[in-house]
All heavy atoms as atom14 arrays in JSON, in Angstrom:
{
  "sequence": "ADRLRWQRWPVAAVSELMLTRENAPDGLNDISGSIARAPV",
  "atom14_mask": [
    [1, 1, 1, 1, 1, 0, 0, 0, 0, 0, 0, 0, 0, 0],
    [1, 1, 1, 1, 1, 1, 1, 1, 0, 0, 0, 0, 0, 0],
    [1, 1, 1, 1, 1, 1, 1, 1, 1, 1, 1, 0, 0, 0],
    [1, 1, 1, 1, 1, 1, 1, 1, 0, 0, 0, 0, 0, 0],
    [1, 1, 1, 1, 1, 1, 1, 1, 1, 1, 1, 0, 0, 0],
    [1, 1, 1, 1, 1, 1, 1, 1, 1, 1, 1, 1, 1, 1],
    [1, 1, 1, 1, 1, 1, 1, 1, 1, 0, 0, 0, 0, 0],
    [1, 1, 1, 1, 1, 1, 1, 1, 1, 1, 1, 0, 0, 0],
    [1, 1, 1, 1, 1, 1, 1, 1, 1, 1, 1, 1, 1, 1],
    [1, 1, 1, 1, 1, 1, 1, 0, 0, 0, 0, 0, 0, 0],
    [1, 1, 1, 1, 1, 1, 1, 0, 0, 0, 0, 0, 0, 0],
    [1, 1, 1, 1, 1, 0, 0, 0, 0, 0, 0, 0, 0, 0],
    [1, 1, 1, 1, 1, 0, 0, 0, 0, 0, 0, 0, 0, 0],
    [1, 1, 1, 1, 1, 1, 1, 0, 0, 0, 0, 0, 0, 0],
    [1, 1, 1, 1, 1, 1, 0, 0, 0, 0, 0, 0, 0, 0],
    [1, 1, 1, 1, 1, 1, 1, 1, 1, 0, 0, 0, 0, 0],
    [1, 1, 1, 1, 1, 1, 1, 1, 0, 0, 0, 0, 0, 0],
    [1, 1, 1, 1, 1, 1, 1, 1, 0, 0, 0, 0, 0, 0],
    [1, 1, 1, 1, 1, 1, 1, 1, 0, 0, 0, 0, 0, 0],
    [1, 1, 1, 1, 1, 1, 1, 0, 0, 0, 0, 0, 0, 0],
    [1, 1, 1, 1, 1, 1, 1, 1, 1, 1, 1, 0, 0, 0],
    [1, 1, 1, 1, 1, 1, 1, 1, 1, 0, 0, 0, 0, 0],
    [1, 1, 1, 1, 1, 1, 1, 1, 0, 0, 0, 0, 0, 0],
    [1, 1, 1, 1, 1, 0, 0, 0, 0, 0, 0, 0, 0, 0],
    [1, 1, 1, 1, 1, 1, 1, 0, 0, 0, 0, 0, 0, 0],
    [1, 1, 1, 1, 1, 1, 1, 1, 0, 0, 0, 0, 0, 0],
    [1, 1, 1, 1, 0, 0, 0, 0, 0, 0, 0, 0, 0, 0],
    [1, 1, 1, 1, 1, 1, 1, 1, 0, 0, 0, 0, 0, 0],
    [1, 1, 1, 1, 1, 1, 1, 1, 0, 0, 0, 0, 0, 0],
    [1, 1, 1, 1, 1, 1, 1, 1, 0, 0, 0, 0, 0, 0],
    [1, 1, 1, 1, 1, 1, 1, 1, 0, 0, 0, 0, 0, 0],
    [1, 1, 1, 1, 1, 1, 0, 0, 0, 0, 0, 0, 0, 0],
    [1, 1, 1, 1, 0, 0, 0, 0, 0, 0, 0, 0, 0, 0],
    [1, 1, 1, 1, 1, 1, 0, 0, 0, 0, 0, 0, 0, 0],
    [1, 1, 1, 1, 1, 1, 1, 1, 0, 0, 0, 0, 0, 0],
    [1, 1, 1, 1, 1, 0, 0, 0, 0, 0, 0, 0, 0, 0],
    [1, 1, 1, 1, 1, 1, 1, 1, 1, 1, 1, 0, 0, 0],
    [1, 1, 1, 1, 1, 0, 0, 0, 0, 0, 0, 0, 0, 0],
    [1, 1, 1, 1, 1, 1, 1, 0, 0, 0, 0, 0, 0, 0],
    [1, 1, 1, 1, 1, 1, 1, 0, 0, 0, 0, 0, 0, 0]
  ],
  "atom14_positions": [
    [[-57.28, 9.58, -88.67], [-58.33, 10.36, -88.05], [-58.79, 9.81, -86.68], [-59.13, 10.54, -85.8], [-59.56, 10.46, -88.99], [0.0, 0.0, 0.0], [0.0, 0.0, 0.0], [0.0, 0.0, 0.0], [0.0, 0.0, 0.0], [0.0, 0.0, 0.0], [0.0, 0.0, 0.0], [0.0, 0.0, 0.0], [0.0, 0.0, 0.0], [0.0, 0.0, 0.0]],
    [[-58.77, 8.46, -86.57], [-59.22, 7.85, -85.31], [-58.23, 8.07, -84.17], [-58.51, 7.76, -83.01], [-59.47, 6.38, -85.48], [-58.25, 5.61, -85.93], [-57.51, 6.13, -86.79], [-57.99, 4.5, -85.38], [0.0, 0.0, 0.0], [0.0, 0.0, 0.0], [0.0, 0.0, 0.0], [0.0, 0.0, 0.0], [0.0, 0.0, 0.0], [0.0, 0.0, 0.0]],
    [[-57.03, 8.55, -84.49], [-56.04, 8.82, -83.44], [-56.1, 10.31, -82.96], [-55.27, 10.7, -82.17], [-54.61, 8.56, -84.0], [-54.35, 7.08, -84.28], [-52.95, 6.92, -84.91], [-52.61, 5.54, -85.07], [-51.94, 4.79, -84.19], [-51.58, 5.3, -83.03], [-51.65, 3.51, -84.43], [0.0, 0.0, 0.0], [0.0, 0.0, 0.0], [0.0, 0.0, 0.0]],
    [[-57.06, 11.06, -83.51], [-57.16, 12.48, -83.14], [-58.56, 12.77, -82.6], [-59.52, 12.04, -82.88], [-56.9, 13.32, -84.36], [-55.57, 13.11, -85.11], [-55.58, 13.87, -86.45], [-54.39, 13.51, -84.25], [0.0, 0.0, 0.0], [0.0, 0.0, 0.0], [0.0, 0.0, 0.0], [0.0, 0.0, 0.0], [0.0, 0.0, 0.0], [0.0, 0.0, 0.0]],
    [[-58.67, 13.87, -81.87], [-59.98, 14.31, -81.4], [-59.91, 15.76, -81.06], [-58.83, 16.3, -80.79], [-60.48, 13.53, -80.19], [-59.59, 13.61, -78.96], [-60.11, 12.69, -77.86], [-59.19, 12.61, -76.73], [-59.1, 13.47, -75.72], [-59.94, 14.52, -75.73], [-58.24, 13.32, -74.78], [0.0, 0.0, 0.0], [0.0, 0.0, 0.0], [0.0, 0.0, 0.0]],
    [[-61.06, 16.42, -81.01], [-61.14, 17.85, -80.6], [-61.37, 17.9, -79.1], [-62.12, 17.14, -78.58], [-62.26, 18.58, -81.35], [-62.02, 18.76, -82.8], [-62.59, 18.02, -83.84], [-61.17, 19.71, -83.44], [-62.13, 18.46, -85.04], [-61.25, 19.51, -84.83], [-60.34, 20.72, -82.95], [-60.53, 20.28, -85.75], [-59.63, 21.49, -83.86], [-59.74, 21.28, -85.26]],
    [[-60.71, 18.82, -78.44], [-60.87, 18.96, -77.01], [-60.94, 20.42, -76.63], [-60.23, 21.25, -77.19], [-59.67, 18.29, -76.29], [-59.72, 18.39, -74.77], [-58.65, 17.54, -74.11], [-58.58, 16.34, -74.34], [-57.82, 18.16, -73.27], [0.0, 0.0, 0.0], [0.0, 0.0, 0.0], [0.0, 0.0, 0.0], [0.0, 0.0, 0.0], [0.0, 0.0, 0.0]],
    [[-61.79, 20.72, -75.63], [-61.89, 22.12, -75.15], [-60.6, 22.55, -74.52], [-59.97, 21.77, -73.77], [-63.07, 22.24, -74.18], [-64.45, 22.22, -74.85], [-65.58, 22.23, -73.86], [-65.51, 23.35, -72.95], [-65.97, 24.6, -73.22], [-66.44, 24.86, -74.46], [-65.91, 25.57, -72.33], [0.0, 0.0, 0.0], [0.0, 0.0, 0.0], [0.0, 0.0, 0.0]],
    [[-60.19, 23.77, -74.81], [-58.9, 24.29, -74.37], [-59.02, 25.8, -74.06], [-59.67, 26.52, -74.82], [-57.87, 24.03, -75.47], [-56.45, 23.94, -75.03], [-55.56, 24.93, -74.92], [-55.79, 22.77, -74.52], [-54.34, 24.44, -74.42], [-54.48, 23.12, -74.17], [-56.19, 21.43, -74.35], [-53.53, 22.21, -73.7], [-55.26, 20.54, -73.86], [-54.0, 20.91, -73.54]],
    [[-58.39, 26.27, -72.98], [-58.42, 27.72, -72.72], [-57.76, 28.54, -73.84], [-56.69, 28.2, -74.29], [-57.63, 27.87, -71.4], [-57.64, 26.5, -70.8], [-57.66, 25.54, -71.96], [0.0, 0.0, 0.0], [0.0, 0.0, 0.0], [0.0, 0.0, 0.0], [0.0, 0.0, 0.0], [0.0, 0.0, 0.0], [0.0, 0.0, 0.0], [0.0, 0.0, 0.0]],
    [[-58.44, 29.54, -74.28], [-57.94, 30.39, -75.39], [-56.59, 30.98, -75.02], [-55.66, 31.12, -75.85], [-58.92, 31.5, -75.74], [-58.33, 32.48, -76.73], [-60.21, 30.86, -76.33], [0.0, 0.0, 0.0], [0.0, 0.0, 0.0], [0.0, 0.0, 0.0], [0.0, 0.0, 0.0], [0.0, 0.0, 0.0], [0.0, 0.0, 0.0], [0.0, 0.0, 0.0]],
    [[-56.42, 31.35, -73.75], [-55.17, 31.99, -73.3], [-53.98, 31.05, -73.38], [-52.85, 31.51, -73.42], [-55.32, 32.49, -71.87], [0.0, 0.0, 0.0], [0.0, 0.0, 0.0], [0.0, 0.0, 0.0], [0.0, 0.0, 0.0], [0.0, 0.0, 0.0], [0.0, 0.0, 0.0], [0.0, 0.0, 0.0], [0.0, 0.0, 0.0], [0.0, 0.0, 0.0]],
    [[-54.19, 29.74, -73.45], [-53.12, 28.76, -73.49], [-52.86, 28.21, -74.89], [-52.07, 27.29, -75.07], [-53.4, 27.6, -72.55], [0.0, 0.0, 0.0], [0.0, 0.0, 0.0], [0.0, 0.0, 0.0], [0.0, 0.0, 0.0], [0.0, 0.0, 0.0], [0.0, 0.0, 0.0], [0.0, 0.0, 0.0], [0.0, 0.0, 0.0], [0.0, 0.0, 0.0]],
    [[-53.51, 28.77, -75.89], [-53.36, 28.27, -77.29], [-52.13, 28.96, -77.93], [-52.0, 30.2, -77.85], [-54.64, 28.57, -78.12], [-54.41, 28.2, -79.55], [-55.8, 27.78, -77.54], [0.0, 0.0, 0.0], [0.0, 0.0, 0.0], [0.0, 0.0, 0.0], [0.0, 0.0, 0.0], [0.0, 0.0, 0.0], [0.0, 0.0, 0.0], [0.0, 0.0, 0.0]],
    [[-51.29, 28.18, -78.56], [-50.12, 28.73, -79.25], [-50.43, 28.71, -80.75], [-51.34, 28.03, -81.26], [-48.85, 27.93, -78.99], [-48.85, 26.68, -79.66], [0.0, 0.0, 0.0], [0.0, 0.0, 0.0], [0.0, 0.0, 0.0], [0.0, 0.0, 0.0], [0.0, 0.0, 0.0], [0.0, 0.0, 0.0], [0.0, 0.0, 0.0], [0.0, 0.0, 0.0]],
    [[-49.63, 29.47, -81.5], [-49.88, 29.55, -82.97], [-49.62, 28.25, -83.68], [-50.09, 28.07, -84.84], [-48.98, 30.65, -83.55], [-47.48, 30.39, -83.34], [-46.63, 31.51, -83.92], [-47.17, 32.54, -84.28], [-45.41, 31.29, -84.0], [0.0, 0.0, 0.0], [0.0, 0.0, 0.0], [0.0, 0.0, 0.0], [0.0, 0.0, 0.0], [0.0, 0.0, 0.0]],
    [[-48.89, 27.29, -83.05], [-48.63, 26.01, -83.72], [-49.76, 25.0, -83.51], [-49.8, 23.99, -84.22], [-47.34, 25.41, -83.18], [-46.06, 26.15, -83.48], [-44.87, 25.55, -82.79], [-45.81, 26.2, -84.98], [0.0, 0.0, 0.0], [0.0, 0.0, 0.0], [0.0, 0.0, 0.0], [0.0, 0.0, 0.0], [0.0, 0.0, 0.0], [0.0, 0.0, 0.0]],
    [[-50.7, 25.31, -82.63], [-51.82, 24.39, -82.36], [-52.88, 24.57, -83.46], [-53.0, 25.64, -84.09], [-52.42, 24.62, -80.98], [-51.51, 24.34, -79.83], [-52.33, 24.66, -78.25], [-51.0, 24.43, -77.11], [0.0, 0.0, 0.0], [0.0, 0.0, 0.0], [0.0, 0.0, 0.0], [0.0, 0.0, 0.0], [0.0, 0.0, 0.0], [0.0, 0.0, 0.0]],
    [[-53.69, 23.52, -83.64], [-54.76, 23.58, -84.61], [-56.09, 23.72, -83.85], [-56.43, 22.86, -83.04], [-54.8, 22.35, -85.47], [-53.66, 22.18, -86.48], [-52.48, 21.46, -85.86], [-54.1, 21.46, -87.72], [0.0, 0.0, 0.0], [0.0, 0.0, 0.0], [0.0, 0.0, 0.0], [0.0, 0.0, 0.0], [0.0, 0.0, 0.0], [0.0, 0.0, 0.0]],
    [[-56.8, 24.82, -84.07], [-58.09, 25.09, -83.42], [-59.22, 25.02, -84.42], [-58.98, 25.02, -85.64], [-58.08, 26.44, -82.7], [-58.0, 27.48, -83.71], [-56.85, 26.55, -81.76], [0.0, 0.0, 0.0], [0.0, 0.0, 0.0], [0.0, 0.0, 0.0], [0.0, 0.0, 0.0], [0.0, 0.0, 0.0], [0.0, 0.0, 0.0], [0.0, 0.0, 0.0]],
    [[-60.42, 24.98, -83.89], [-61.62, 25.01, -84.77], [-61.65, 26.28, -85.62], [-62.12, 26.26, -86.72], [-62.86, 24.92, -83.93], [-63.15, 23.55, -83.3], [-63.77, 22.62, -84.28], [-64.34, 21.45, -83.6], [-64.84, 20.4, -84.23], [-64.88, 20.4, -85.56], [-65.33, 19.4, -83.59], [0.0, 0.0, 0.0], [0.0, 0.0, 0.0], [0.0, 0.0, 0.0]],
    [[-61.08, 27.35, -85.05], [-61.16, 28.61, -85.73], [-60.11, 28.73, -86.87], [-60.43, 29.13, -88.0], [-60.94, 29.8, -84.77], [-62.08, 30.05, -83.82], [-62.16, 29.04, -82.69], [-61.15, 28.31, -82.46], [-63.18, 28.95, -82.0], [0.0, 0.0, 0.0], [0.0, 0.0, 0.0], [0.0, 0.0, 0.0], [0.0, 0.0, 0.0], [0.0, 0.0, 0.0]],
    [[-58.86, 28.34, -86.58], [-57.79, 28.52, -87.58], [-57.62, 27.32, -88.49], [-56.96, 27.38, -89.53], [-56.47, 28.87, -86.93], [-55.92, 27.76, -86.05], [-56.22, 26.59, -86.21], [-55.07, 28.12, -85.08], [0.0, 0.0, 0.0], [0.0, 0.0, 0.0], [0.0, 0.0, 0.0], [0.0, 0.0, 0.0], [0.0, 0.0, 0.0], [0.0, 0.0, 0.0]],
    [[-58.2, 26.15, -88.1], [-58.08, 24.97, -88.92], [-59.34, 24.1, -88.78], [-59.3, 23.04, -88.17], [-56.84, 24.14, -88.54], [0.0, 0.0, 0.0], [0.0, 0.0, 0.0], [0.0, 0.0, 0.0], [0.0, 0.0, 0.0], [0.0, 0.0, 0.0], [0.0, 0.0, 0.0], [0.0, 0.0, 0.0], [0.0, 0.0, 0.0], [0.0, 0.0, 0.0]],
    [[-60.47, 24.55, -89.31], [-61.73, 23.82, -89.14], [-61.68, 22.4, -89.71], [-62.34, 21.5, -89.27], [-62.73, 24.7, -89.88], [-61.95, 25.57, -90.77], [-60.65, 25.8, -90.11], [0.0, 0.0, 0.0], [0.0, 0.0, 0.0], [0.0, 0.0, 0.0], [0.0, 0.0, 0.0], [0.0, 0.0, 0.0], [0.0, 0.0, 0.0], [0.0, 0.0, 0.0]],
    [[-60.82, 22.21, -90.72], [-60.65, 20.87, -91.35], [-59.33, 20.22, -90.94], [-58.77, 19.42, -91.64], [-60.72, 21.0, -92.89], [-61.08, 19.66, -93.55], [-61.79, 18.86, -92.91], [-60.6, 19.41, -94.69], [0.0, 0.0, 0.0], [0.0, 0.0, 0.0], [0.0, 0.0, 0.0], [0.0, 0.0, 0.0], [0.0, 0.0, 0.0], [0.0, 0.0, 0.0]],
    [[-58.88, 20.64, -89.74], [-57.56, 20.19, -89.27], [-57.45, 18.68, -89.12], [-56.4, 18.09, -89.35], [0.0, 0.0, 0.0], [0.0, 0.0, 0.0], [0.0, 0.0, 0.0], [0.0, 0.0, 0.0], [0.0, 0.0, 0.0], [0.0, 0.0, 0.0], [0.0, 0.0, 0.0], [0.0, 0.0, 0.0], [0.0, 0.0, 0.0], [0.0, 0.0, 0.0]],
    [[-58.55, 18.02, -88.75], [-58.49, 16.58, -88.52], [-58.16, 15.87, -89.83], [-57.32, 14.94, -89.86], [-59.84, 16.09, -87.97], [-59.89, 14.67, -87.39], [-60.81, 14.62, -86.21], [-60.28, 13.67, -88.46], [0.0, 0.0, 0.0], [0.0, 0.0, 0.0], [0.0, 0.0, 0.0], [0.0, 0.0, 0.0], [0.0, 0.0, 0.0], [0.0, 0.0, 0.0]],
    [[-58.75, 16.29, -90.91], [-58.46, 15.69, -92.21], [-57.09, 16.13, -92.73], [-56.4, 15.36, -93.42], [-59.54, 16.04, -93.24], [-60.87, 15.42, -92.86], [-60.93, 14.3, -92.36], [-61.98, 16.11, -93.17], [0.0, 0.0, 0.0], [0.0, 0.0, 0.0], [0.0, 0.0, 0.0], [0.0, 0.0, 0.0], [0.0, 0.0, 0.0], [0.0, 0.0, 0.0]],
    [[-56.72, 17.37, -92.44], [-55.42, 17.85, -92.9], [-54.25, 17.1, -92.29], [-53.26, 16.81, -92.94], [-55.25, 19.38, -92.58], [-56.23, 20.2, -93.4], [-56.72, 19.71, -94.41], [-56.47, 21.36, -93.01], [0.0, 0.0, 0.0], [0.0, 0.0, 0.0], [0.0, 0.0, 0.0], [0.0, 0.0, 0.0], [0.0, 0.0, 0.0], [0.0, 0.0, 0.0]],
    [[-54.35, 16.78, -90.99], [-53.29, 16.08, -90.27], [-53.29, 14.62, -90.6], [-52.24, 13.95, -90.56], [-53.39, 16.32, -88.77], [-53.13, 17.78, -88.47], [-52.42, 15.44, -88.0], [-51.75, 18.26, -88.82], [0.0, 0.0, 0.0], [0.0, 0.0, 0.0], [0.0, 0.0, 0.0], [0.0, 0.0, 0.0], [0.0, 0.0, 0.0], [0.0, 0.0, 0.0]],
    [[-54.43, 14.04, -90.93], [-54.5, 12.6, -91.24], [-53.55, 12.28, -92.38], [-53.47, 12.96, -93.37], [-55.94, 12.21, -91.62], [-56.77, 12.34, -90.53], [0.0, 0.0, 0.0], [0.0, 0.0, 0.0], [0.0, 0.0, 0.0], [0.0, 0.0, 0.0], [0.0, 0.0, 0.0], [0.0, 0.0, 0.0], [0.0, 0.0, 0.0], [0.0, 0.0, 0.0]],
    [[-52.75, 11.19, -92.2], [-51.76, 10.79, -93.18], [-50.37, 11.34, -92.91], [-49.42, 10.95, -93.59], [0.0, 0.0, 0.0], [0.0, 0.0, 0.0], [0.0, 0.0, 0.0], [0.0, 0.0, 0.0], [0.0, 0.0, 0.0], [0.0, 0.0, 0.0], [0.0, 0.0, 0.0], [0.0, 0.0, 0.0], [0.0, 0.0, 0.0], [0.0, 0.0, 0.0]],
    [[-50.28, 12.24, -91.91], [-48.95, 12.75, -91.55], [-48.19, 11.72, -90.75], [-48.73, 10.73, -90.27], [-49.11, 14.03, -90.7], [-49.73, 15.03, -91.43], [0.0, 0.0, 0.0], [0.0, 0.0, 0.0], [0.0, 0.0, 0.0], [0.0, 0.0, 0.0], [0.0, 0.0, 0.0], [0.0, 0.0, 0.0], [0.0, 0.0, 0.0], [0.0, 0.0, 0.0]],
    [[-46.9, 11.98, -90.59], [-46.03, 11.1, -89.77], [-45.55, 11.92, -88.57], [-45.13, 13.08, -88.75], [-44.85, 10.58, -90.61], [-45.34, 9.65, -91.7], [-43.84, 9.87, -89.72], [-44.24, 9.19, -92.64], [0.0, 0.0, 0.0], [0.0, 0.0, 0.0], [0.0, 0.0, 0.0], [0.0, 0.0, 0.0], [0.0, 0.0, 0.0], [0.0, 0.0, 0.0]],
    [[-45.61, 11.33, -87.4], [-45.16, 12.0, -86.21], [-43.64, 12.0, -86.18], [-43.02, 10.94, -86.17], [-45.7, 11.31, -84.93], [0.0, 0.0, 0.0], [0.0, 0.0, 0.0], [0.0, 0.0, 0.0], [0.0, 0.0, 0.0], [0.0, 0.0, 0.0], [0.0, 0.0, 0.0], [0.0, 0.0, 0.0], [0.0, 0.0, 0.0], [0.0, 0.0, 0.0]],
    [[-43.04, 13.22, -86.18], [-41.59, 13.28, -86.14], [-41.06, 13.45, -84.76], [-39.84, 13.53, -84.53], [-41.1, 14.43, -87.04], [-41.56, 15.83, -86.63], [-41.15, 16.86, -87.64], [-39.7, 16.86, -87.88], [-39.12, 17.59, -88.79], [-39.82, 18.4, -89.56], [-37.79, 17.56, -88.96], [0.0, 0.0, 0.0], [0.0, 0.0, 0.0], [0.0, 0.0, 0.0]],
    [[-41.95, 13.56, -83.77], [-41.62, 13.63, -82.35], [-42.73, 12.99, -81.58], [-43.88, 12.96, -82.01], [-41.39, 15.07, -81.95], [0.0, 0.0, 0.0], [0.0, 0.0, 0.0], [0.0, 0.0, 0.0], [0.0, 0.0, 0.0], [0.0, 0.0, 0.0], [0.0, 0.0, 0.0], [0.0, 0.0, 0.0], [0.0, 0.0, 0.0], [0.0, 0.0, 0.0]],
    [[-42.47, 12.46, -80.34], [-43.53, 11.81, -79.6], [-44.62, 12.82, -79.2], [-44.37, 13.98, -78.88], [-42.8, 11.32, -78.33], [-41.34, 11.27, -78.71], [-41.16, 12.39, -79.69], [0.0, 0.0, 0.0], [0.0, 0.0, 0.0], [0.0, 0.0, 0.0], [0.0, 0.0, 0.0], [0.0, 0.0, 0.0], [0.0, 0.0, 0.0], [0.0, 0.0, 0.0]],
    [[-45.9, 12.34, -79.2], [-47.02, 13.13, -78.77], [-47.81, 12.26, -77.77], [-48.23, 11.19, -78.1], [-47.93, 13.52, -79.95], [-49.07, 14.43, -79.43], [-47.14, 14.29, -81.03], [0.0, 0.0, 0.0], [0.0, 0.0, 0.0], [0.0, 0.0, 0.0], [0.0, 0.0, 0.0], [0.0, 0.0, 0.0], [0.0, 0.0, 0.0], [0.0, 0.0, 0.0]]
  ]
}
């Protein structure tokens, strides 16, 4: 969780693969424990 944060982003630039407050309000906890399969 400490490696992630919420950041303001233009709605027009949001893709379906991104996690937003609207589509994934608990996204920070959902992603925690995952493994990065590509550099971010």
